[in-house]
Amino acid sequence: MKNKRQKPIEYAEDVTESPQTLLRLRLPSLLIGLGLGIVISFLTSQFEEVLARNVAVAFFLPFIVYMADAIGTQTQSIYTRALKTGEARFQIYLIKESVVGLMLGVVLGIASGLVALWWLRDNLLAVSVGVSMFSTAASAPLVALLITQASQRLREDPAVGAGPIATVIQDMISVIIYGAVSSIVLL
């Protein structure tokens, strides 16, 4: 059996690489993100009925998407750093970050639901926001870890490729979750 030589990972280092090399390394994942971002716009339009019935649903969409992205970014930054130092153990991160995601989901779900209730005095909207925040926060570490691990396995710099891809996938998941939960609860 022949021993395949793995290609080395080419890291995007601002200190040593030219702007052209940085562009070459960074642009592919951003173009994928652009395409998937357009898909998110189409996905959002699928929830037109719930948005038309209750415009306040739209108030929380950026908030829910942002929080899931922030959680995923934290997970990804920690895991990527550990990958570069050789200290990463995927299974351990997967278990711990899943637990952290669930705990963050509970705290942020309750807090955001209470804010929605206090602000708009709408029980059903508060439930929709709280459940959606819980779900997106709980899923964010998993998405971040899986995309980062896939990038590493593909021998791509996870700091460059995984971030934009994980972000746009998490955005899609967040829009789908919030739209679906809002449709179920509010329609």
C-alpha atoms as a PDB file:
ATOM      1  CA  MET A   1       0.000   0.000   0.000  1.00  0.00           C
ATOM      2  CA  LYS A   2       1.443   3.352  -1.035  1.00  0.00           C
ATOM      3  CA  ASN A   3       1.806   6.022   1.581  1.00  0.00           C
ATOM      4  CA  LYS A   4       0.017   9.126   0.347  1.00  0.00           C
ATOM      5  CA  ARG A   5       1.720  12.352   1.226  1.00  0.00           C
ATOM      6  CA  GLN A   6      -0.713  14.883   2.511  1.00  0.00           C
ATOM      7  CA  LYS A   7      -0.396  18.330   1.087  1.00  0.00           C
ATOM      8  CA  PRO A   8       0.632  20.847   3.711  1.00  0.00           C
ATOM      9  CA  ILE A   9      -1.916  23.351   4.847  1.00  0.00           C
ATOM     10  CA  GLU A  10      -1.199  26.770   3.401  1.00  0.00           C
ATOM     11  CA  TYR A  11      -1.978  29.246   6.163  1.00  0.00           C
ATOM     12  CA  ALA A  12      -3.043  32.796   5.342  1.00  0.00           C
ATOM     13  CA  GLU A  13      -0.453  34.751   7.301  1.00  0.00           C
ATOM     14  CA  ASP A  14      -0.569  38.513   6.822  1.00  0.00           C
ATOM     15  CA  VAL A  15       2.995  38.854   8.041  1.00  0.00           C
ATOM     16  CA  THR A  16       4.554  36.625   5.378  1.00  0.00           C
ATOM     17  CA  GLU A  17       2.118  36.387   2.453  1.00  0.00           C
ATOM     18  CA  SER A  18       1.511  38.812  -0.400  1.00  0.00           C
ATOM     19  CA  PRO A  19      -1.908  40.430  -0.862  1.00  0.00           C
ATOM     20  CA  GLN A  20      -2.388  38.274  -3.989  1.00  0.00           C
ATOM     21  CA  THR A  21      -1.782  35.071  -2.014  1.00  0.00           C
ATOM     22  CA  LEU A  22      -4.115  36.234   0.741  1.00  0.00           C
ATOM     23  CA  LEU A  23      -6.779  36.981  -1.872  1.00  0.00           C
ATOM     24  CA  ARG A  24      -6.315  33.539  -3.464  1.00  0.00           C
ATOM     25  CA  LEU A  25      -6.673  31.845  -0.082  1.00  0.00           C
ATOM     26  CA  ARG A  26      -9.587  33.899   1.157  1.00  0.00           C
ATOM     27  CA  LEU A  27     -11.752  34.507  -1.899  1.00  0.00           C
ATOM     28  CA  PRO A  28     -13.098  30.952  -2.519  1.00  0.00           C
ATOM     29  CA  SER A  29     -14.864  30.652   0.835  1.00  0.00           C
ATOM     30  CA  LEU A  30     -16.196  34.205   0.527  1.00  0.00           C
ATOM     31  CA  LEU A  31     -17.643  33.475  -2.918  1.00  0.00           C
ATOM     32  CA  ILE A  32     -19.343  30.390  -1.506  1.00  0.00           C
ATOM     33  CA  GLY A  33     -20.635  32.576   1.308  1.00  0.00           C
ATOM     34  CA  LEU A  34     -21.962  35.106  -1.199  1.00  0.00           C
ATOM     35  CA  GLY A  35     -23.881  32.404  -3.024  1.00  0.00           C
ATOM     36  CA  LEU A  36     -25.284  30.935   0.161  1.00  0.00           C
ATOM     37  CA  GLY A  37     -26.126  34.435   1.403  1.00  0.00           C
ATOM     38  CA  ILE A  38     -28.342  34.869  -1.644  1.00  0.00           C
ATOM     39  CA  VAL A  39     -29.984  31.548  -0.758  1.00  0.00           C
ATOM     40  CA  ILE A  40     -30.676  32.978   2.729  1.00  0.00           C
ATOM     41  CA  SER A  41     -32.596  35.844   1.132  1.00  0.00           C
ATOM     42  CA  PHE A  42     -34.757  33.330  -0.727  1.00  0.00           C
ATOM     43  CA  LEU A  43     -35.243  31.310   2.468  1.00  0.00           C
ATOM     44  CA  THR A  44     -36.332  34.421   4.347  1.00  0.00           C
ATOM     45  CA  SER A  45     -38.916  35.159   1.663  1.00  0.00           C
ATOM     46  CA  GLN A  46     -40.496  31.769   2.386  1.00  0.00           C
ATOM     47  CA  PHE A  47     -41.661  33.175   5.712  1.00  0.00           C
ATOM     48  CA  GLU A  48     -43.450  36.126   4.122  1.00  0.00           C
ATOM     49  CA  GLU A  49     -46.813  35.165   5.624  1.00  0.00           C
ATOM     50  CA  VAL A  50     -45.641  35.233   9.233  1.00  0.00           C
ATOM     51  CA  LEU A  51     -43.667  38.436   8.600  1.00  0.00           C
ATOM     52  CA  ALA A  52     -46.701  40.076   6.985  1.00  0.00           C
ATOM     53  CA  ARG A  53     -48.965  39.083   9.866  1.00  0.00           C
ATOM     54  CA  ASN A  54     -46.564  40.267  12.563  1.00  0.00           C
ATOM     55  CA  VAL A  55     -43.862  42.684  11.467  1.00  0.00           C
ATOM     56  CA  ALA A  56     -42.320  42.463  14.958  1.00  0.00           C
ATOM     57  CA  VAL A  57     -41.000  39.024  13.956  1.00  0.00           C
ATOM     58  CA  ALA A  58     -38.515  40.858  11.729  1.00  0.00           C
ATOM     59  CA  PHE A  59     -37.205  42.875  14.694  1.00  0.00           C
ATOM     60  CA  PHE A  60     -35.556  39.780  16.156  1.00  0.00           C
ATOM     61  CA  LEU A  61     -34.165  38.124  13.021  1.00  0.00           C
ATOM     62  CA  PRO A  62     -30.811  39.999  12.998  1.00  0.00           C
ATOM     63  CA  PHE A  63     -30.461  39.451  16.744  1.00  0.00           C
ATOM     64  CA  ILE A  64     -31.049  35.703  16.554  1.00  0.00           C
ATOM     65  CA  VAL A  65     -28.731  35.306  13.554  1.00  0.00           C
ATOM     66  CA  TYR A  66     -26.010  37.416  15.201  1.00  0.00           C
ATOM     67  CA  MET A  67     -26.050  35.541  18.504  1.00  0.00           C
ATOM     68  CA  ALA A  68     -25.737  32.159  16.792  1.00  0.00           C
ATOM     69  CA  ASP A  69     -22.867  33.525  14.680  1.00  0.00           C
ATOM     70  CA  ALA A  70     -21.122  34.924  17.760  1.00  0.00           C
ATOM     71  CA  ILE A  71     -21.372  31.605  19.584  1.00  0.00           C
ATOM     72  CA  GLY A  72     -20.112  29.714  16.548  1.00  0.00           C
ATOM     73  CA  THR A  73     -17.237  32.169  16.106  1.00  0.00           C
ATOM     74  CA  GLN A  74     -16.160  31.671  19.714  1.00  0.00           C
ATOM     75  CA  THR A  75     -16.188  27.893  19.317  1.00  0.00           C
ATOM     76  CA  GLN A  76     -14.387  28.069  16.004  1.00  0.00           C
ATOM     77  CA  SER A  77     -11.688  30.425  17.280  1.00  0.00           C
ATOM     78  CA  ILE A  78     -10.951  28.222  20.274  1.00  0.00           C
ATOM     79  CA  TYR A  79     -10.906  25.025  18.209  1.00  0.00           C
ATOM     80  CA  THR A  80      -8.834  26.535  15.382  1.00  0.00           C
ATOM     81  CA  ARG A  81      -6.236  27.736  17.866  1.00  0.00           C
ATOM     82  CA  ALA A  82      -6.072  24.240  19.345  1.00  0.00           C
ATOM     83  CA  LEU A  83      -5.728  22.714  15.860  1.00  0.00           C
ATOM     84  CA  LYS A  84      -2.768  24.929  15.060  1.00  0.00           C
ATOM     85  CA  THR A  85      -1.006  24.031  18.310  1.00  0.00           C
ATOM     86  CA  GLY A  86      -1.803  20.328  17.851  1.00  0.00           C
ATOM     87  CA  GLU A  87      -3.823  20.166  21.072  1.00  0.00           C
ATOM     88  CA  ALA A  88      -7.245  19.636  19.501  1.00  0.00           C
ATOM     89  CA  ARG A  89      -9.196  16.469  20.203  1.00  0.00           C
ATOM     90  CA  PHE A  90     -12.352  16.642  18.092  1.00  0.00           C
ATOM     91  CA  GLN A  91     -14.488  14.292  20.214  1.00  0.00           C
ATOM     92  CA  ILE A  92     -13.685  16.178  23.415  1.00  0.00           C
ATOM     93  CA  TYR A  93     -14.483  19.529  21.792  1.00  0.00           C
ATOM     94  CA  LEU A  94     -17.672  18.116  20.308  1.00  0.00           C
ATOM     95  CA  ILE A  95     -18.963  16.967  23.695  1.00  0.00           C
ATOM     96  CA  LYS A  96     -17.898  20.038  25.664  1.00  0.00           C
ATOM     97  CA  GLU A  97     -19.029  22.555  23.071  1.00  0.00           C
ATOM     98  CA  SER A  98     -22.378  20.780  22.706  1.00  0.00           C
ATOM     99  CA  VAL A  99     -22.930  21.121  26.442  1.00  0.00           C
ATOM    100  CA  VAL A 100     -21.818  24.770  26.346  1.00  0.00           C
ATOM    101  CA  GLY A 101     -24.172  25.391  23.403  1.00  0.00           C
ATOM    102  CA  LEU A 102     -27.101  23.904  25.308  1.00  0.00           C
ATOM    103  CA  MET A 103     -26.310  25.953  28.405  1.00  0.00           C
ATOM    104  CA  LEU A 104     -25.920  29.146  26.366  1.00  0.00           C
ATOM    105  CA  GLY A 105     -29.150  28.301  24.574  1.00  0.00           C
ATOM    106  CA  VAL A 106     -31.065  28.051  27.837  1.00  0.00           C
ATOM    107  CA  VAL A 107     -29.670  31.304  29.240  1.00  0.00           C
ATOM    108  CA  LEU A 108     -29.957  33.299  26.021  1.00  0.00           C
ATOM    109  CA  GLY A 109     -33.313  31.773  25.100  1.00  0.00           C
ATOM    110  CA  ILE A 110     -34.867  32.750  28.411  1.00  0.00           C
ATOM    111  CA  ALA A 111     -33.256  36.200  28.372  1.00  0.00           C
ATOM    112  CA  SER A 112     -34.305  36.993  24.800  1.00  0.00           C
ATOM    113  CA  GLY A 113     -37.818  35.664  25.343  1.00  0.00           C
ATOM    114  CA  LEU A 114     -38.179  37.859  28.420  1.00  0.00           C
ATOM    115  CA  VAL A 115     -36.896  40.903  26.522  1.00  0.00           C
ATOM    116  CA  ALA A 116     -39.380  40.254  23.704  1.00  0.00           C
ATOM    117  CA  LEU A 117     -42.186  39.897  26.252  1.00  0.00           C
ATOM    118  CA  TRP A 118     -41.189  43.048  28.138  1.00  0.00           C
ATOM    119  CA  TRP A 119     -40.720  45.089  24.973  1.00  0.00           C
ATOM    120  CA  LEU A 120     -43.732  44.056  22.881  1.00  0.00           C
ATOM    121  CA  ARG A 121     -46.047  42.415  25.414  1.00  0.00           C
ATOM    122  CA  ASP A 122     -46.689  39.531  23.030  1.00  0.00           C
ATOM    123  CA  ASN A 123     -46.586  36.128  24.728  1.00  0.00           C
ATOM    124  CA  LEU A 124     -46.489  34.099  21.515  1.00  0.00           C
ATOM    125  CA  LEU A 125     -43.769  36.236  19.966  1.00  0.00           C
ATOM    126  CA  ALA A 126     -41.754  35.901  23.179  1.00  0.00           C
ATOM    127  CA  VAL A 127     -42.086  32.104  23.001  1.00  0.00           C
ATOM    128  CA  SER A 128     -41.066  32.151  19.348  1.00  0.00           C
ATOM    129  CA  VAL A 129     -38.001  34.298  20.056  1.00  0.00           C
ATOM    130  CA  GLY A 130     -36.985  32.287  23.125  1.00  0.00           C
ATOM    131  CA  VAL A 131     -37.344  28.869  21.493  1.00  0.00           C
ATOM    132  CA  SER A 132     -35.566  30.068  18.357  1.00  0.00           C
ATOM    133  CA  MET A 133     -32.707  31.582  20.340  1.00  0.00           C
ATOM    134  CA  PHE A 134     -32.313  28.367  22.319  1.00  0.00           C
ATOM    135  CA  SER A 135     -32.262  26.271  19.154  1.00  0.00           C
ATOM    136  CA  THR A 136     -29.856  28.440  17.194  1.00  0.00           C
ATOM    137  CA  ALA A 137     -27.494  28.892  20.140  1.00  0.00           C
ATOM    138  CA  ALA A 138     -27.460  25.153  20.784  1.00  0.00           C
ATOM    139  CA  SER A 139     -26.715  24.338  17.143  1.00  0.00           C
ATOM    140  CA  ALA A 140     -23.998  26.962  16.600  1.00  0.00           C
ATOM    141  CA  PRO A 141     -21.071  25.149  18.276  1.00  0.00           C
ATOM    142  CA  LEU A 142     -21.856  21.977  16.341  1.00  0.00           C
ATOM    143  CA  VAL A 143     -21.899  23.771  13.007  1.00  0.00           C
ATOM    144  CA  ALA A 144     -18.666  25.618  13.826  1.00  0.00           C
ATOM    145  CA  LEU A 145     -16.856  22.450  14.887  1.00  0.00           C
ATOM    146  CA  LEU A 146     -18.044  20.320  11.983  1.00  0.00           C
ATOM    147  CA  ILE A 147     -17.132  22.891   9.338  1.00  0.00           C
ATOM    148  CA  THR A 148     -13.768  23.604  10.976  1.00  0.00           C
ATOM    149  CA  GLN A 149     -12.978  19.899  11.204  1.00  0.00           C
ATOM    150  CA  ALA A 150     -13.995  19.376   7.575  1.00  0.00           C
ATOM    151  CA  SER A 151     -11.742  22.244   6.513  1.00  0.00           C
ATOM    152  CA  GLN A 152      -8.846  20.741   8.449  1.00  0.00           C
ATOM    153  CA  ARG A 153      -9.452  17.310   6.893  1.00  0.00           C
ATOM    154  CA  LEU A 154      -9.458  18.905   3.438  1.00  0.00           C
ATOM    155  CA  ARG A 155      -6.055  20.392   4.321  1.00  0.00           C
ATOM    156  CA  GLU A 156      -7.366  23.961   4.064  1.00  0.00           C
ATOM    157  CA  ASP A 157      -6.572  26.696   6.560  1.00  0.00           C
ATOM    158  CA  PRO A 158      -9.560  26.531   8.924  1.00  0.00           C
ATOM    159  CA  ALA A 159      -9.023  30.142   9.991  1.00  0.00           C
ATOM    160  CA  VAL A 160      -9.701  31.270   6.427  1.00  0.00           C
ATOM    161  CA  GLY A 161     -12.133  28.815   4.893  1.00  0.00           C
ATOM    162  CA  ALA A 162     -14.186  27.537   7.772  1.00  0.00           C
ATOM    163  CA  GLY A 163     -15.232  30.906   9.201  1.00  0.00           C
ATOM    164  CA  PRO A 164     -17.222  32.267   6.279  1.00  0.00           C
ATOM    165  CA  ILE A 165     -18.711  28.881   5.434  1.00  0.00           C
ATOM    166  CA  ALA A 166     -19.736  28.097   9.027  1.00  0.00           C
ATOM    167  CA  THR A 167     -21.186  31.592   9.391  1.00  0.00           C
ATOM    168  CA  VAL A 168     -23.371  31.399   6.308  1.00  0.00           C
ATOM    169  CA  ILE A 169     -24.510  27.855   7.112  1.00  0.00           C
ATOM    170  CA  GLN A 170     -25.387  28.916  10.647  1.00  0.00           C
ATOM    171  CA  ASP A 171     -27.211  31.949   9.234  1.00  0.00           C
ATOM    172  CA  MET A 172     -29.268  29.634   7.025  1.00  0.00           C
ATOM    173  CA  ILE A 173     -30.025  27.353   9.946  1.00  0.00           C
ATOM    174  CA  SER A 174     -30.988  30.329  12.125  1.00  0.00           C
ATOM    175  CA  VAL A 175     -33.336  31.775   9.482  1.00  0.00           C
ATOM    176  CA  ILE A 176     -34.976  28.379   8.962  1.00  0.00           C
ATOM    177  CA  ILE A 177     -35.364  27.754  12.699  1.00  0.00           C
ATOM    178  CA  TYR A 178     -36.735  31.212  13.487  1.00  0.00           C
ATOM    179  CA  GLY A 179     -39.034  31.196  10.444  1.00  0.00           C
ATOM    180  CA  ALA A 180     -40.344  27.713  11.185  1.00  0.00           C
ATOM    181  CA  VAL A 181     -40.836  28.320  14.911  1.00  0.00           C
ATOM    182  CA  SER A 182     -42.532  31.674  14.244  1.00  0.00           C
ATOM    183  CA  SER A 183     -44.790  30.093  11.632  1.00  0.00           C
ATOM    184  CA  ILE A 184     -45.792  27.297  14.007  1.00  0.00           C
ATOM    185  CA  VAL A 185     -46.329  29.550  17.031  1.00  0.00           C
ATOM    186  CA  LEU A 186     -47.745  32.681  15.414  1.00  0.00           C
ATOM    187  CA  LEU A 187     -49.836  31.453  12.477  1.00  0.00           C
END
